[in-house]
Amino acid sequence: MNQKRVVLDEKYVPKAEEIINQTGIHTFSQLFTILLVNYGDTLVRSLKGGGDN
């Protein structure tokens, strides 16, 4: 399996920990993967000005 690492800016750690604690997600890597898979397309559309429709 080919893996990549991401660096989380320290100022976002509390928000990530809050999400982990409230959802039962176990790791920052798992959180990132879930966000990427579930919201990645929406993010791209939003940044390109396409909105959520």
C-alpha atoms as a PDB file:
ATOM      1  CA  MET A   1       0.000   0.000   0.000  1.00  0.00           C
ATOM      2  CA  ASN A   2       1.333   3.423  -0.951  1.00  0.00           C
ATOM      3  CA  GLN A   3       0.877   5.918   1.883  1.00  0.00           C
ATOM      4  CA  LYS A   4       1.220   9.686   2.212  1.00  0.00           C
ATOM      5  CA  ARG A   5       1.554  11.765   5.344  1.00  0.00           C
ATOM      6  CA  VAL A   6      -0.121  15.078   6.006  1.00  0.00           C
ATOM      7  CA  VAL A   7       0.856  17.742   8.516  1.00  0.00           C
ATOM      8  CA  LEU A   8      -1.903  19.266  10.613  1.00  0.00           C
ATOM      9  CA  ASP A   9      -1.295  22.842  11.693  1.00  0.00           C
ATOM     10  CA  GLU A  10      -1.277  23.024  15.496  1.00  0.00           C
ATOM     11  CA  LYS A  11      -4.124  25.569  15.517  1.00  0.00           C
ATOM     12  CA  TYR A  12      -6.479  22.935  14.020  1.00  0.00           C
ATOM     13  CA  VAL A  13      -5.612  20.130  16.430  1.00  0.00           C
ATOM     14  CA  PRO A  14      -8.317  21.077  18.990  1.00  0.00           C
ATOM     15  CA  LYS A  15     -11.029  20.959  16.304  1.00  0.00           C
ATOM     16  CA  ALA A  16      -9.767  17.623  15.010  1.00  0.00           C
ATOM     17  CA  GLU A  17      -9.675  16.219  18.552  1.00  0.00           C
ATOM     18  CA  GLU A  18     -13.224  17.471  19.171  1.00  0.00           C
ATOM     19  CA  ILE A  19     -14.451  15.663  16.042  1.00  0.00           C
ATOM     20  CA  ILE A  20     -12.575  12.496  17.027  1.00  0.00           C
ATOM     21  CA  ASN A  21     -14.002  12.559  20.553  1.00  0.00           C
ATOM     22  CA  GLN A  22     -17.572  13.157  19.392  1.00  0.00           C
ATOM     23  CA  THR A  23     -17.583  10.587  16.583  1.00  0.00           C
ATOM     24  CA  GLY A  24     -15.527   7.670  17.831  1.00  0.00           C
ATOM     25  CA  ILE A  25     -13.024   8.048  15.007  1.00  0.00           C
ATOM     26  CA  HIS A  26      -9.740   6.665  16.302  1.00  0.00           C
ATOM     27  CA  THR A  27      -6.926   8.564  14.578  1.00  0.00           C
ATOM     28  CA  PHE A  28      -6.150  11.782  12.742  1.00  0.00           C
ATOM     29  CA  SER A  29      -5.381   9.689   9.659  1.00  0.00           C
ATOM     30  CA  GLN A  30      -8.772   8.033   9.816  1.00  0.00           C
ATOM     31  CA  LEU A  31     -10.433  11.443  10.258  1.00  0.00           C
ATOM     32  CA  PHE A  32      -8.633  12.870   7.225  1.00  0.00           C
ATOM     33  CA  THR A  33      -9.557   9.860   5.095  1.00  0.00           C
ATOM     34  CA  ILE A  34     -13.232  10.056   6.066  1.00  0.00           C
ATOM     35  CA  LEU A  35     -13.343  13.790   5.329  1.00  0.00           C
ATOM     36  CA  LEU A  36     -11.575  13.301   1.985  1.00  0.00           C
ATOM     37  CA  VAL A  37     -13.822  10.464   0.841  1.00  0.00           C
ATOM     38  CA  ASN A  38     -17.103  12.012   1.998  1.00  0.00           C
ATOM     39  CA  TYR A  39     -16.507  15.710   1.298  1.00  0.00           C
ATOM     40  CA  GLY A  40     -13.682  15.889  -1.260  1.00  0.00           C
ATOM     41  CA  ASP A  41     -15.939  16.395  -4.298  1.00  0.00           C
ATOM     42  CA  THR A  42     -17.960  19.042  -2.475  1.00  0.00           C
ATOM     43  CA  LEU A  43     -14.766  20.877  -1.559  1.00  0.00           C
ATOM     44  CA  VAL A  44     -13.576  20.913  -5.169  1.00  0.00           C
ATOM     45  CA  ARG A  45     -16.943  22.223  -6.396  1.00  0.00           C
ATOM     46  CA  SER A  46     -17.004  24.909  -3.709  1.00  0.00           C
ATOM     47  CA  LEU A  47     -13.489  26.103  -4.486  1.00  0.00           C
ATOM     48  CA  LYS A  48     -14.287  26.241  -8.192  1.00  0.00           C
ATOM     49  CA  GLY A  49     -17.417  28.315  -7.484  1.00  0.00           C
ATOM     50  CA  GLY A  50     -19.852  25.558  -8.350  1.00  0.00           C
ATOM     51  CA  GLY A  51     -21.526  25.478  -4.946  1.00  0.00           C
ATOM     52  CA  ASP A  52     -23.100  22.293  -3.624  1.00  0.00           C
ATOM     53  CA  ASN A  53     -25.632  21.800  -6.415  1.00  0.00           C
END
